[in-house]
Protein backbone atom coordinates (compact mmCIF):
# COMPACT_ATOMS: atom_id res chain seq x y z
CA UNK A 1 31.32 49.02 49.22
CA UNK A 2 29.49 46.04 50.65
CA UNK A 3 27.44 43.86 48.36
CA UNK A 4 23.74 43.99 49.12
CA UNK A 5 22.39 40.46 49.48
CA UNK A 6 19.30 39.59 47.54
CA UNK A 7 16.39 39.35 49.94
CA UNK A 8 15.31 36.14 48.24
CA UNK A 9 18.57 34.48 49.24
CA UNK A 10 17.92 34.85 52.97
CA UNK A 11 16.68 31.69 54.61
CA UNK A 12 14.99 31.78 58.00
CA UNK A 13 17.38 30.72 60.73
CA UNK A 14 20.39 30.52 58.41
CA UNK A 15 23.25 33.01 58.49
CA UNK A 16 24.15 34.28 55.02
CA UNK A 17 26.94 36.45 53.64
CA UNK A 18 27.58 37.57 50.08
CA UNK A 19 30.67 35.92 48.61
CA UNK A 20 30.66 37.75 45.28
CA UNK A 21 28.82 38.64 42.10
CA UNK A 22 29.22 37.78 38.44
CA UNK A 23 27.74 39.81 35.60
CA UNK A 24 28.56 37.23 32.91
CA UNK A 25 26.22 34.59 34.35
CA UNK A 26 22.64 35.66 33.58
CA UNK A 27 19.25 34.02 33.22
CA UNK A 28 16.06 35.29 31.65
CA UNK A 29 14.15 33.14 34.14
CA UNK A 30 15.17 33.81 37.74
CA UNK A 31 17.15 30.74 38.83
CA UNK A 32 18.55 29.63 42.18
CA UNK A 33 21.10 26.84 42.44
CA UNK A 34 22.80 25.65 45.63
CA UNK A 35 26.37 24.31 45.49
CA UNK A 36 27.66 22.05 48.25
CA UNK A 37 31.32 21.02 48.28
CA UNK A 38 33.78 18.98 50.31
CA UNK A 39 31.55 17.40 52.92
CA UNK A 40 33.92 14.42 53.33
CA UNK A 41 31.17 12.35 54.96
CA UNK A 42 32.63 9.68 57.21
CA UNK A 43 30.78 7.00 59.14
CA UNK A 44 33.79 6.04 61.29
CA UNK A 45 36.23 8.95 61.32
CA UNK A 46 36.81 11.48 64.08
CA UNK A 47 38.41 14.90 64.21
CA UNK A 48 40.95 16.28 61.70
CA UNK A 49 40.44 19.68 60.05
CA UNK A 50 37.44 18.11 58.29
CA UNK A 51 35.57 17.51 61.57
CA UNK A 52 34.77 14.01 60.34
CA UNK A 53 32.61 13.15 63.36
CA UNK A 54 30.24 16.02 62.47
CA UNK A 55 29.76 15.29 58.78
CA UNK A 56 26.48 13.37 58.97
CA UNK A 57 25.10 16.04 61.30
CA UNK A 58 26.19 18.75 58.83
CA UNK A 59 24.49 17.02 55.91
CA UNK A 60 21.22 16.62 57.81
CA UNK A 61 21.24 20.34 58.65
CA UNK A 62 22.00 21.26 55.05
CA UNK A 63 19.17 19.13 53.68
CA UNK A 64 16.74 20.77 56.10
CA UNK A 65 17.97 24.25 55.13
CA UNK A 66 17.88 23.55 51.40
CA UNK A 67 14.31 22.31 51.66
CA UNK A 68 13.26 25.60 53.27
CA UNK A 69 14.66 27.62 50.38
CA UNK A 70 13.25 28.08 46.89
CA UNK A 71 15.83 26.27 44.78
CA UNK A 72 15.82 24.91 41.25
CA UNK A 73 18.58 22.37 41.96
CA UNK A 74 21.38 21.34 44.31
CA UNK A 75 24.85 20.47 43.00
CA UNK A 76 27.38 18.53 45.09
CA UNK A 77 30.74 19.65 43.76
CA UNK A 78 32.87 16.71 44.83
CA UNK A 79 34.27 14.99 47.91
CA UNK A 80 30.84 13.90 48.99
CA UNK A 81 32.54 11.27 51.17
CA UNK A 82 35.94 10.74 52.79
CA UNK A 83 37.08 7.27 51.75
CA UNK A 84 34.96 6.37 48.73
CA UNK A 85 33.28 3.36 50.34
CA UNK A 86 29.78 2.17 49.58
CA UNK A 87 28.99 2.36 53.31
CA UNK A 88 29.71 6.09 53.25
CA UNK A 89 27.65 6.58 50.11
CA UNK A 90 24.77 4.62 51.60
CA UNK A 91 24.83 6.92 54.64
CA UNK A 92 24.94 9.93 52.31
CA UNK A 93 22.00 8.62 50.28
CA UNK A 94 19.87 7.94 53.35
CA UNK A 95 20.17 11.59 54.36
CA UNK A 96 19.73 13.21 50.93
CA UNK A 97 16.68 11.02 50.27
CA UNK A 98 14.79 13.77 52.12
CA UNK A 99 16.08 16.50 49.76
CA UNK A 100 13.30 18.13 47.74
CA UNK A 101 15.20 19.90 44.86
CA UNK A 102 16.85 17.80 42.13
CA UNK A 103 20.39 16.68 43.01
CA UNK A 104 23.37 16.56 40.65
CA UNK A 105 27.00 15.82 41.47
CA UNK A 106 30.57 15.57 40.21
CA UNK A 107 33.19 13.39 41.94
CA UNK A 108 36.13 14.65 43.95
CA UNK A 109 39.47 13.01 44.57
CA UNK A 110 38.16 11.25 47.71
CA UNK A 111 35.02 9.91 46.04
CA UNK A 112 36.52 7.36 43.64
CA UNK A 113 39.83 5.98 44.89
CA UNK A 114 41.74 2.69 44.88
CA UNK A 115 43.13 2.46 48.40
CA UNK A 116 45.61 -0.25 47.43
CA UNK A 117 44.31 -2.87 49.86
CA UNK A 118 42.37 -4.99 47.40
CA UNK A 119 39.07 -3.93 48.92
CA UNK A 120 35.88 -4.42 46.94
CA UNK A 121 33.98 -1.91 49.09
CA UNK A 122 34.92 1.12 46.98
CA UNK A 123 32.29 2.80 44.80
CA UNK A 124 33.06 2.75 41.07
CA UNK A 125 32.58 5.49 38.49
CA UNK A 126 29.59 3.75 36.82
CA UNK A 127 27.94 3.42 40.24
CA UNK A 128 28.54 7.11 40.98
CA UNK A 129 26.96 8.04 37.65
CA UNK A 130 23.91 5.89 38.29
CA UNK A 131 23.38 7.53 41.67
CA UNK A 132 24.10 11.20 41.00
CA UNK A 133 24.19 12.21 37.33
CA UNK A 134 21.50 12.59 34.64
CA UNK A 135 23.73 10.85 32.08
CA UNK A 136 27.26 9.41 32.13
CA UNK A 137 30.03 12.04 32.28
CA UNK A 138 30.34 14.58 30.88
CA UNK A 139 26.81 15.91 31.13
CA UNK A 140 24.83 19.03 30.36
CA UNK A 141 21.50 19.78 32.00
CA UNK A 142 19.18 22.77 31.87
CA UNK A 143 18.36 24.21 35.30
CA UNK A 144 15.88 27.06 35.17
CA UNK A 145 17.46 29.63 32.87
CA UNK A 146 21.06 28.31 32.90
CA UNK A 147 23.03 25.33 31.64
CA UNK A 148 25.01 23.21 34.09
CA UNK A 149 27.95 21.33 32.62
CA UNK A 150 29.22 18.55 34.88
CA UNK A 151 32.78 17.28 34.37
CA UNK A 152 34.66 14.40 35.98
CA UNK A 153 38.15 15.48 37.07
CA UNK A 154 38.74 12.30 39.08
CA UNK A 155 41.29 10.21 37.18
CA UNK A 156 39.26 7.01 37.60
CA UNK A 157 37.80 5.44 34.47
CA UNK A 158 34.76 3.22 34.04
CA UNK A 159 37.15 0.26 33.94
CA UNK A 160 39.33 1.03 36.97
CA UNK A 161 39.69 3.26 40.00
CA UNK A 162 42.66 5.60 40.27
CA UNK A 163 45.17 5.49 43.13
CA UNK A 164 45.99 9.18 42.68
CA UNK A 165 44.41 12.33 44.11
CA UNK A 166 45.57 14.37 41.11
CA UNK A 167 42.95 15.71 38.72
CA UNK A 168 42.62 14.89 35.05
CA UNK A 169 39.90 15.19 32.41
CA UNK A 170 39.82 12.67 29.60
CA UNK A 171 40.48 13.54 25.95
CA UNK A 172 36.93 12.47 25.07
CA UNK A 173 35.59 14.91 27.68
CA UNK A 174 37.59 17.76 26.17
CA UNK A 175 36.30 16.88 22.68
CA UNK A 176 32.71 16.81 23.94
CA UNK A 177 33.15 20.05 25.87
CA UNK A 178 34.45 21.94 22.85
CA UNK A 179 31.15 21.35 21.10
CA UNK A 180 28.91 21.77 24.13
CA UNK A 181 30.42 25.04 25.33
CA UNK A 182 29.83 26.68 21.96
CA UNK A 183 26.09 25.98 22.18
CA UNK A 184 25.37 27.78 25.46
CA UNK A 185 25.46 31.46 26.40
CA UNK A 186 25.81 31.43 30.20
CA UNK A 187 27.19 28.08 31.35
CA UNK A 188 28.09 27.01 34.86
CA UNK A 189 30.91 24.47 34.65
CA UNK A 190 31.06 22.19 37.69
CA UNK A 191 34.39 20.40 38.23
CA UNK A 192 36.01 19.41 41.52
CA UNK A 193 39.75 20.05 41.17
CA UNK A 194 40.96 23.64 41.31
CA UNK A 195 42.58 25.15 38.25
CA UNK A 196 46.03 26.73 38.14
CA UNK A 197 44.52 30.22 38.48
CA UNK A 198 43.45 29.47 42.06
CA UNK A 199 46.38 27.16 42.92
CA UNK A 200 48.85 29.91 42.01
CA UNK A 201 47.15 32.33 44.38
CA UNK A 202 47.16 29.68 47.10
CA UNK A 203 50.91 29.09 46.71
CA UNK A 204 51.63 32.82 46.83
CA UNK A 205 49.63 33.25 50.03
CA UNK A 206 51.23 30.23 51.69
CA UNK A 207 54.56 32.05 51.77
CA UNK A 208 53.19 34.51 54.33
CA UNK A 209 51.89 31.93 56.80
CA UNK A 210 53.81 30.76 59.91
CA UNK A 211 53.08 27.12 59.06
CA UNK A 212 54.78 24.37 57.17
CA UNK A 213 53.61 24.55 53.58
CA UNK A 214 50.62 22.43 52.72
CA UNK A 215 49.86 21.15 49.26
CA UNK A 216 47.08 20.92 46.73
CA UNK A 217 47.00 17.90 44.41
CA UNK A 218 47.70 18.87 40.83
CA UNK A 219 45.26 19.08 37.95
CA UNK A 220 47.42 17.41 35.33
CA UNK A 221 45.82 18.83 32.18
CA UNK A 222 43.91 21.86 33.40
CA UNK A 223 45.72 23.92 30.76
CA UNK A 224 43.85 21.93 28.11
CA UNK A 225 40.57 22.44 29.95
CA UNK A 226 41.17 26.19 30.26
CA UNK A 227 42.00 26.36 26.55
CA UNK A 228 38.66 24.77 25.65
CA UNK A 229 36.68 26.89 28.12
CA UNK A 230 38.34 30.17 27.22
CA UNK A 231 36.23 31.00 24.19
CA UNK A 232 33.35 33.39 23.78
CA UNK A 233 31.10 31.76 26.38
CA UNK A 234 32.92 33.37 29.36
CA UNK A 235 31.94 30.52 31.71
CA UNK A 236 31.77 30.55 35.48
CA UNK A 237 33.88 27.56 36.53
CA UNK A 238 32.87 26.29 39.97
CA UNK A 239 35.50 24.20 41.76
CA UNK A 240 36.05 22.79 45.25
CA UNK A 241 38.93 20.70 46.58
CA UNK A 242 41.09 23.43 48.15
CA UNK A 243 38.74 24.25 51.07
CA UNK A 244 39.61 27.94 50.65
CA UNK A 245 36.81 30.12 49.20
CA UNK A 246 38.34 32.04 46.30
CA UNK A 247 37.32 33.99 43.22
CA UNK A 248 39.97 34.54 40.56
CA UNK A 249 39.32 36.15 37.20
CA UNK A 250 41.57 35.53 34.23
CA UNK A 251 41.34 36.71 30.66
CA UNK A 252 39.31 33.68 29.61
CA UNK A 253 37.37 32.40 32.62
CA UNK A 254 36.22 33.15 36.15
CA UNK A 255 36.99 30.45 38.71
CA UNK A 256 34.95 30.29 41.89
CA UNK A 257 36.33 27.87 44.47
CA UNK A 258 33.59 27.06 46.95
CA UNK A 259 33.72 27.18 50.75
CA UNK A 260 33.63 23.63 52.15
CA UNK A 261 30.85 22.04 54.17
CA UNK A 262 32.88 19.65 56.34
CA UNK A 263 35.89 21.84 57.26
CA UNK A 264 35.63 25.49 58.32
CA UNK A 265 33.60 27.57 57.41
CA UNK A 266 31.08 24.68 57.27
CA UNK A 267 28.47 25.85 54.80
CA UNK A 268 27.15 25.91 51.27
CA UNK A 269 26.68 28.46 48.49
CA UNK A 270 23.57 29.67 46.68
CA UNK A 271 23.84 31.25 43.23
CA UNK A 272 20.97 33.69 42.72
CA UNK A 273 20.86 34.22 38.95
CA UNK A 274 18.81 36.88 37.19
CA UNK A 275 18.78 38.99 34.05
CA UNK A 276 21.45 41.39 35.37
CA UNK A 277 23.87 38.83 36.77
CA UNK A 278 24.48 36.53 39.71
CA UNK A 279 24.95 36.96 43.45
CA UNK A 280 26.70 34.15 45.35
CA UNK A 281 25.81 33.90 49.03
CA UNK A 282 27.26 31.73 51.80
CA UNK A 283 24.84 29.84 54.04
CA UNK A 284 26.16 28.48 57.33
CA UNK A 285 25.26 24.86 58.05
CA UNK A 286 25.99 24.80 61.76
CA UNK A 287 25.90 26.75 65.00
CA UNK A 288 28.64 29.17 66.00
CA UNK A 289 29.87 26.59 68.50
CA UNK A 290 30.24 23.93 65.79
CA UNK A 291 31.92 26.44 63.50
CA UNK A 292 34.36 27.38 66.27
CA UNK A 293 35.09 23.68 66.80
CA UNK A 294 35.92 23.28 63.10
CA UNK A 295 38.18 26.33 63.26
CA UNK A 296 39.98 24.92 66.29
CA UNK A 297 40.40 21.50 64.66
CA UNK A 298 41.97 23.18 61.65
CA UNK A 299 44.24 25.57 63.56
CA UNK A 300 47.35 23.88 62.18
CA UNK A 301 46.13 23.90 58.58
CA UNK A 302 47.21 26.62 56.18
CA UNK A 303 43.95 26.15 54.29
CA UNK A 304 41.85 26.75 57.41
CA UNK A 305 43.78 29.94 58.19
CA UNK A 306 43.31 31.20 54.64
CA UNK A 307 39.62 30.29 54.68
CA UNK A 308 39.17 32.24 57.93
CA UNK A 309 40.94 35.25 56.43
CA UNK A 310 38.76 35.12 53.32
CA UNK A 311 35.52 34.79 55.27
CA UNK A 312 36.42 37.80 57.40
CA UNK A 313 36.94 39.97 54.32
CA UNK A 314 33.85 39.41 52.19
CA UNK A 315 32.92 39.78 49.42
CA UNK A 316 35.68 37.85 47.71
CA UNK A 317 35.10 39.77 44.47
CA UNK A 318 32.28 41.64 42.76
CA UNK A 319 31.49 42.84 39.27
CA UNK A 320 28.95 45.39 40.45
CA UNK A 321 28.76 45.93 44.21
CA UNK A 322 25.22 47.33 44.08
CA UNK A 323 23.60 44.87 41.71
CA UNK A 324 20.91 42.42 42.66
CA UNK A 325 19.68 40.02 39.96
CA UNK A 326 16.29 40.94 38.56
CA UNK A 327 13.78 38.13 38.57
């Protein structure tokens, strides 16, 4: 059966497809939150599977589309930029200055990085927090009828940038999260790095591709994070990083890895949350020609091939194929 998209999630001039549905995430007050992941904005780059020369164009189109929708908030789920420089962030900020809904973000592995060249042009964690978060990490904010929990999985600290792309959450974050997660009924947990539940599926699918194996940077202590999250709250954990849209359910959590904005399929996700559950819909951020260009640029990438396969077989997963959240 094909999921019926909520009419409210259709935006004029924007192609949408239903990615999945989640009955555990509910809201008494109808709530709509957009998630944007893995833009990799670059002011100087060209090409690669991330279509770096199109990233500013993509962001401008997304801001225009988001402003036409009725949204309670927009969450950037990491890898806002490609190289973590202030110049890239300044370009990002100039474009999102026109965004109407409130903006929240978590950092990805590209956002806060010591490039090993002694440069002082890299954005720091305190600067990221001042620009994009309501409080220093970790944070919890009420959006409509749901709670958003924002976690930093970038290994940088407030004192120093990391030189690693691997993910890690701090012990103090885990301690804070254990208390926070017990106080909310339907949390959305936003964290950039993918958990082992999705990485395992990625590795299994790689074996069937006629390409040299790619890789996905590790999340060093995601087992500790899963242990904290896997209580009675049954959270929806929204990740990015992999560039392959995926929904994997385990005993304790549901992980939803978002489609990327920069690489194929070049779009963002809207969560339409009501009293009966949530519908996640994909919104394209570019023309078919631009999407085809991104697909061609990524033809040698296992992640692009897997993303194309996923997007041609939607929905990714559903709890109730006929449900539409009540307002």
